[in-house]
Amino acid sequence: MPNETSPRDRLAPDGNLVLVQFKGHRKGYYHNRRNLKLTVGQYCLVEADRGRDMGRVNYVGPGKSEWWQMAGHQGVVQVAEAQDLARLHDNRGDEWEFWDICREKILARKLNMNLVTVERQFDHKKITFYFTAEKRVDFRELVRDLAGIFRTRIELRQIGVRDEARLKGGIGVCGREFCCSTFLHEFIPVTLKMAKVQSLPLNPGKLSGPCGRLRCCLTYENEVYRQTRRNLPRVGSMVETPEGSGTVRKLNLLQESVSVSSPGQEGLREWPADRLQWDKSRNLPSPRSPGRDSPDQGCHGDGCGNGSRGGERN
């Protein structure tokens, strides 16, 4: 049976993949089938929806396997020349006028939508209007209005607040440009559990970015913190220290140490994790005793004989 080759091997044995950035930090992946001499920072023409578009080269190399799934169907056409750069500059100037016209039509039809930006395809065969809205918007009549004015293909694309932040760009609280506007290729799901794993204060004002969503940077070190937690006892569990047994009260994930309270000792004593001993199979705090008047007395000790879970209430 012959060896099967992956789509990446069939498409580009030389690993010639190009990452191109367009207006609003929009990125696309393209196959350099013509083996053009491209360098980072150059402008080039690429295959686009029913035409051609123009952007700046951000990366040239082998790329990732998932990038090739998109790059295999579209390629780089040519390196941009002086007249191409002049046309791109004119397009950017026209987009401000298009934005004003679209904004007027939105107000005239009383549509509940917020126009974010406008992007004109390099060959003038399409104009894309990006907007945000709390609910779905019926913009069919608006499309007809704009198509009658511009005499070209019109696309209205509803985006989320994270996409809006990426398109507009800006400076984060760290003093650097937004991650989504620079090196991030796609949004990664961010959850509040990541903040809990990293022992961060659950304050929405400190955890949220300018877009109002949880910051993308919460994902960067999340796996490191998760692995560190696996090597530490949980808060509330019993451990054996060089000075006797105690209860874990606090974790220091960066130093991989824990604060322990021991009977007969005042305050907490911090110990490195490698100097403690504990039963990892029973690395859980003891269940709290229910109140005297509680109808459900729960379970104590090692568990319940009737198969129910200790301390759990319906």
Protein backbone atom coordinates (compact mmCIF):
# COMPACT_ATOMS: atom_id res chain seq x y z
CA MET A 1 0.00 0.00 0.00
CA PRO A 2 1.56 3.36 -0.99
CA ASN A 3 2.37 5.90 1.67
CA GLU A 4 -0.30 8.57 2.05
CA THR A 5 0.82 12.18 1.95
CA SER A 6 -0.80 14.97 3.89
CA PRO A 7 -2.39 17.97 2.12
CA ARG A 8 0.48 20.08 3.39
CA ASP A 9 3.05 17.81 1.72
CA ARG A 10 1.12 17.80 -1.56
CA LEU A 11 0.59 21.55 -1.63
CA ALA A 12 3.94 22.88 -0.53
CA PRO A 13 6.88 20.49 -0.26
CA ASP A 14 9.12 23.53 0.27
CA GLY A 15 6.99 24.82 3.16
CA ASN A 16 6.24 28.10 1.39
CA LEU A 17 3.39 29.55 3.48
CA VAL A 18 2.72 33.27 3.81
CA LEU A 19 0.79 35.06 6.55
CA VAL A 20 -0.68 38.35 5.30
CA GLN A 21 -2.21 41.09 7.44
CA PHE A 22 -4.90 43.43 6.14
CA LYS A 23 -6.70 46.46 7.52
CA GLY A 24 -7.86 46.16 11.10
CA HIS A 25 -5.27 43.47 11.91
CA ARG A 26 -7.24 40.91 9.91
CA LYS A 27 -4.97 38.02 8.95
CA GLY A 28 -5.05 35.44 6.19
CA TYR A 29 -2.95 32.41 5.19
CA TYR A 30 -1.75 31.95 1.61
CA HIS A 31 0.28 29.50 -0.44
CA ASN A 32 3.21 30.94 -2.35
CA ARG A 33 2.72 28.71 -5.39
CA ARG A 34 4.68 31.01 -7.66
CA ASN A 35 7.72 30.95 -5.36
CA LEU A 36 7.90 34.73 -5.16
CA LYS A 37 10.72 36.30 -3.17
CA LEU A 38 8.79 37.67 -0.20
CA THR A 39 10.10 39.25 2.98
CA VAL A 40 8.33 40.35 6.13
CA GLY A 41 7.03 43.90 5.76
CA GLN A 42 6.47 43.71 2.01
CA TYR A 43 3.05 44.30 0.46
CA CYS A 44 1.65 41.71 -1.89
CA LEU A 45 -1.48 40.91 -3.91
CA VAL A 46 -3.37 37.77 -2.95
CA GLU A 47 -6.37 35.82 -4.17
CA ALA A 48 -9.54 37.08 -2.51
CA ASP A 49 -13.29 36.54 -2.71
CA ARG A 50 -14.03 36.83 -6.45
CA GLY A 51 -11.00 39.02 -7.00
CA ARG A 52 -7.77 40.25 -5.49
CA ASP A 53 -6.82 41.92 -2.24
CA MET A 54 -3.66 43.50 -0.89
CA GLY A 55 -1.93 43.19 2.45
CA ARG A 56 1.40 43.20 4.25
CA VAL A 57 3.52 40.08 4.74
CA ASN A 58 3.85 39.12 8.42
CA TYR A 59 5.39 35.67 8.11
CA VAL A 60 7.05 33.45 5.50
CA GLY A 61 7.91 29.86 6.35
CA PRO A 62 6.62 26.32 6.91
CA GLY A 63 3.71 27.40 9.14
CA LYS A 64 1.43 25.08 11.07
CA SER A 65 -0.70 22.23 9.78
CA GLU A 66 -3.97 24.06 10.59
CA TRP A 67 -2.76 27.11 8.66
CA TRP A 68 -2.33 25.00 5.54
CA GLN A 69 -6.00 24.02 5.59
CA MET A 70 -6.78 27.63 4.66
CA ALA A 71 -3.65 28.47 2.72
CA GLY A 72 -4.06 25.56 0.29
CA HIS A 73 -7.11 27.14 -1.35
CA GLN A 74 -5.69 30.64 -1.90
CA GLY A 75 -2.33 31.94 -2.98
CA VAL A 76 -0.10 34.97 -3.40
CA VAL A 77 -0.39 36.55 -6.86
CA GLN A 78 2.46 39.05 -7.02
CA VAL A 79 4.57 41.51 -5.09
CA ALA A 80 2.94 44.94 -4.84
CA GLU A 81 4.32 47.70 -7.03
CA ALA A 82 4.31 51.47 -6.62
CA GLN A 83 0.97 51.95 -8.39
CA ASP A 84 -0.58 49.24 -6.21
CA LEU A 85 0.49 51.03 -3.05
CA ALA A 86 -0.98 54.28 -4.39
CA ARG A 87 -4.30 52.56 -5.07
CA LEU A 88 -4.33 51.07 -1.56
CA HIS A 89 -3.81 54.55 -0.15
CA ASP A 90 -6.75 55.87 -2.20
CA ASN A 91 -8.93 53.02 -0.98
CA ARG A 92 -8.25 53.92 2.63
CA GLY A 93 -9.26 57.50 1.94
CA ASP A 94 -12.52 56.40 0.27
CA GLU A 95 -13.41 54.20 3.23
CA TRP A 96 -13.97 57.24 5.45
CA GLU A 97 -16.58 58.51 2.99
CA PHE A 98 -18.19 55.06 2.82
CA TRP A 99 -18.42 54.99 6.61
CA ASP A 100 -20.28 58.32 6.70
CA ILE A 101 -22.73 57.21 4.03
CA CYS A 102 -23.44 53.90 5.75
CA ARG A 103 -23.87 55.65 9.07
CA GLU A 104 -26.46 57.99 7.58
CA LYS A 105 -28.42 55.06 6.13
CA ILE A 106 -28.34 53.23 9.48
CA LEU A 107 -29.80 56.27 11.24
CA ALA A 108 -32.39 56.78 8.51
CA ARG A 109 -33.65 53.21 8.87
CA LYS A 110 -33.38 53.35 12.68
CA LEU A 111 -31.34 50.16 12.92
CA ASN A 112 -29.95 49.23 16.32
CA MET A 113 -26.37 48.61 15.22
CA ASN A 114 -22.99 50.22 15.78
CA LEU A 115 -20.80 50.61 12.70
CA VAL A 116 -17.19 49.74 13.58
CA THR A 117 -15.16 50.03 10.38
CA VAL A 118 -15.27 49.71 6.60
CA GLU A 119 -12.88 47.78 4.37
CA ARG A 120 -12.76 48.09 0.59
CA GLN A 121 -11.32 45.20 -1.38
CA PHE A 122 -8.26 46.19 -3.39
CA ASP A 123 -9.89 45.55 -6.79
CA HIS A 124 -13.10 47.44 -5.77
CA LYS A 125 -15.25 44.33 -6.24
CA LYS A 126 -16.49 44.25 -2.64
CA ILE A 127 -16.99 46.56 0.34
CA THR A 128 -17.30 45.05 3.81
CA PHE A 129 -18.99 46.90 6.68
CA TYR A 130 -18.25 45.57 10.19
CA PHE A 131 -20.73 46.31 12.96
CA THR A 132 -21.72 45.25 16.46
CA ALA A 133 -25.22 44.76 17.80
CA GLU A 134 -26.81 43.26 20.89
CA LYS A 135 -29.25 41.20 18.81
CA ARG A 136 -29.64 40.01 15.26
CA VAL A 137 -30.32 42.84 12.83
CA ASP A 138 -32.35 42.64 9.63
CA PHE A 139 -30.13 44.70 7.35
CA ARG A 140 -31.44 43.51 3.97
CA GLU A 141 -32.88 46.90 3.08
CA LEU A 142 -29.63 48.55 4.17
CA VAL A 143 -27.67 46.30 1.82
CA ARG A 144 -29.94 47.30 -1.06
CA ASP A 145 -29.40 50.98 -0.25
CA LEU A 146 -25.63 50.63 -0.18
CA ALA A 147 -25.50 48.46 -3.32
CA GLY A 148 -27.51 51.09 -5.19
CA ILE A 149 -25.06 53.79 -4.15
CA PHE A 150 -21.71 52.04 -4.58
CA ARG A 151 -22.66 49.73 -7.49
CA THR A 152 -20.58 46.84 -6.15
CA ARG A 153 -20.94 43.83 -3.90
CA ILE A 154 -21.84 44.77 -0.31
CA GLU A 155 -21.19 42.61 2.75
CA LEU A 156 -22.35 43.48 6.26
CA ARG A 157 -20.62 41.40 8.93
CA GLN A 158 -21.71 41.37 12.55
CA ILE A 159 -18.80 40.91 14.95
CA GLY A 160 -18.37 40.58 18.71
CA VAL A 161 -16.73 42.96 21.14
CA ARG A 162 -13.45 41.03 21.06
CA ASP A 163 -13.33 41.34 17.27
CA GLU A 164 -14.10 45.04 17.61
CA ALA A 165 -11.10 45.49 19.91
CA ARG A 166 -8.89 43.65 17.45
CA LEU A 167 -10.04 45.80 14.51
CA LYS A 168 -9.65 49.10 16.35
CA GLY A 169 -6.47 48.22 18.24
CA GLY A 170 -5.16 50.03 21.30
CA ILE A 171 -2.90 49.84 24.34
CA GLY A 172 -3.60 47.46 27.21
CA VAL A 173 -2.99 47.99 30.91
CA CYS A 174 0.40 46.32 30.46
CA GLY A 175 1.50 49.20 28.24
CA ARG A 176 1.73 47.10 25.09
CA GLU A 177 -0.53 46.81 22.06
CA PHE A 178 -3.50 44.47 22.32
CA CYS A 179 -2.46 40.84 21.92
CA CYS A 180 -5.41 40.27 19.57
CA SER A 181 -4.15 43.10 17.34
CA THR A 182 -0.58 41.84 17.14
CA PHE A 183 0.51 38.22 17.45
CA LEU A 184 -2.70 36.29 18.21
CA HIS A 185 -4.07 34.48 15.18
CA GLU A 186 -7.36 33.45 16.72
CA PHE A 187 -9.26 33.92 19.96
CA ILE A 188 -8.81 31.28 22.65
CA PRO A 189 -11.70 30.67 25.08
CA VAL A 190 -10.99 32.35 28.42
CA THR A 191 -12.88 31.27 31.56
CA LEU A 192 -13.10 32.54 35.12
CA LYS A 193 -11.73 29.17 36.27
CA MET A 194 -8.35 30.18 34.86
CA ALA A 195 -8.25 33.14 37.24
CA LYS A 196 -9.15 30.85 40.14
CA VAL A 197 -6.38 28.42 39.21
CA GLN A 198 -3.88 31.30 39.25
CA SER A 199 -5.20 32.60 42.61
CA LEU A 200 -6.08 35.97 41.09
CA PRO A 201 -8.64 38.25 42.76
CA LEU A 202 -12.01 37.65 41.16
CA ASN A 203 -12.52 41.32 40.38
CA PRO A 204 -14.09 41.85 36.92
CA GLY A 205 -12.50 45.29 36.67
CA LYS A 206 -9.00 43.81 37.02
CA LEU A 207 -9.56 40.67 34.96
CA SER A 208 -11.36 42.25 32.00
CA GLY A 209 -9.73 43.94 29.04
CA PRO A 210 -10.92 47.06 27.21
CA CYS A 211 -13.36 44.88 25.26
CA GLY A 212 -15.18 44.01 28.49
CA ARG A 213 -14.26 40.32 28.27
CA LEU A 214 -11.71 38.36 30.26
CA ARG A 215 -8.17 39.13 29.15
CA CYS A 216 -6.57 36.81 26.62
CA CYS A 217 -3.35 36.77 28.66
CA LEU A 218 -5.06 34.66 31.35
CA THR A 219 -4.48 31.66 29.09
CA TYR A 220 -0.74 32.13 28.63
CA GLU A 221 0.44 30.68 31.96
CA ASN A 222 -2.68 28.75 32.88
CA GLU A 223 -1.21 25.34 32.11
CA VAL A 224 1.89 26.10 34.22
CA TYR A 225 -0.29 27.02 37.19
CA ARG A 226 -2.41 23.90 36.71
CA GLN A 227 0.68 21.71 36.71
CA THR A 228 1.99 23.48 39.82
CA ARG A 229 -1.29 22.89 41.65
CA ARG A 230 -1.02 19.16 40.90
CA ASN A 231 2.24 19.10 42.86
CA LEU A 232 0.81 20.94 45.88
CA PRO A 233 -1.71 19.85 48.52
CA ARG A 234 -5.11 21.47 48.47
CA VAL A 235 -6.18 24.15 50.91
CA GLY A 236 -7.76 22.46 53.94
CA SER A 237 -5.95 19.13 53.57
CA MET A 238 -3.74 17.58 56.28
CA VAL A 239 0.02 17.45 55.75
CA GLU A 240 3.06 16.27 57.68
CA THR A 241 5.74 18.91 58.21
CA PRO A 242 9.19 18.49 59.82
CA GLU A 243 7.59 19.95 62.96
CA GLY A 244 4.49 17.77 63.00
CA SER A 245 1.09 17.59 61.34
CA GLY A 246 -0.88 20.64 60.24
CA THR A 247 -3.55 21.98 57.93
CA VAL A 248 -2.88 23.78 54.66
CA ARG A 249 -4.28 27.31 54.73
CA LYS A 250 -2.70 29.05 51.77
CA LEU A 251 -0.78 28.24 48.58
CA ASN A 252 2.07 30.21 47.04
CA LEU A 253 2.07 28.96 43.45
CA LEU A 254 5.04 31.01 42.24
CA GLN A 255 7.35 29.73 44.99
CA GLU A 256 5.69 26.28 45.10
CA SER A 257 5.22 26.52 48.84
CA VAL A 258 2.28 26.28 51.26
CA SER A 259 1.33 28.00 54.51
CA VAL A 260 0.42 25.55 57.28
CA SER A 261 -1.28 26.02 60.64
CA SER A 262 -0.35 23.51 63.33
CA PRO A 263 -1.98 22.83 66.73
CA GLY A 264 -0.27 24.78 69.51
CA GLN A 265 1.43 27.19 67.09
CA GLU A 266 0.51 30.81 66.54
CA GLY A 267 0.18 32.07 63.00
CA LEU A 268 1.14 30.26 59.83
CA ARG A 269 4.41 28.62 58.86
CA GLU A 270 5.42 28.51 55.21
CA TRP A 271 6.99 25.28 53.93
CA PRO A 272 8.37 24.27 50.53
CA ALA A 273 6.25 21.53 48.98
CA ASP A 274 9.20 19.13 48.78
CA ARG A 275 9.51 19.15 52.59
CA LEU A 276 5.90 18.09 53.16
CA GLN A 277 4.23 14.71 53.06
CA TRP A 278 0.58 14.08 52.41
CA ASP A 279 -1.73 11.43 51.03
CA LYS A 280 -2.40 12.60 47.48
CA SER A 281 -5.20 10.08 47.05
CA ARG A 282 -7.07 11.82 49.88
CA ASN A 283 -5.98 15.35 49.09
CA LEU A 284 -9.29 16.90 50.12
CA PRO A 285 -10.40 18.89 53.16
CA SER A 286 -12.74 17.25 55.62
CA PRO A 287 -16.45 17.99 55.01
CA ARG A 288 -18.00 20.65 57.17
CA SER A 289 -20.47 19.53 59.81
CA PRO A 290 -24.04 20.69 59.04
CA GLY A 291 -25.99 22.87 61.44
CA ARG A 292 -27.91 21.38 64.37
CA ASP A 293 -31.30 22.13 62.76
CA SER A 294 -30.32 20.92 59.32
CA PRO A 295 -32.56 18.10 58.05
CA ASP A 296 -29.64 16.62 56.15
CA GLN A 297 -26.91 15.52 58.56
CA GLY A 298 -24.54 14.72 55.68
CA CYS A 299 -21.68 12.24 55.96
CA HIS A 300 -18.60 12.22 58.16
CA GLY A 301 -15.34 10.34 58.26
CA ASP A 302 -14.55 8.13 55.32
CA GLY A 303 -17.97 8.29 53.68
CA CYS A 304 -21.57 7.10 53.85
CA GLY A 305 -22.77 3.56 53.92
CA ASN A 306 -25.81 4.30 51.80
CA GLY A 307 -23.76 5.45 48.80
CA SER A 308 -24.63 9.16 49.02
CA ARG A 309 -21.90 11.80 48.84
CA GLY A 310 -20.72 13.40 52.05
CA GLY A 311 -21.71 17.00 52.54
CA GLU A 312 -23.64 17.26 49.25
CA ARG A 313 -27.11 18.74 49.25
CA ASN A 314 -29.71 18.73 46.54
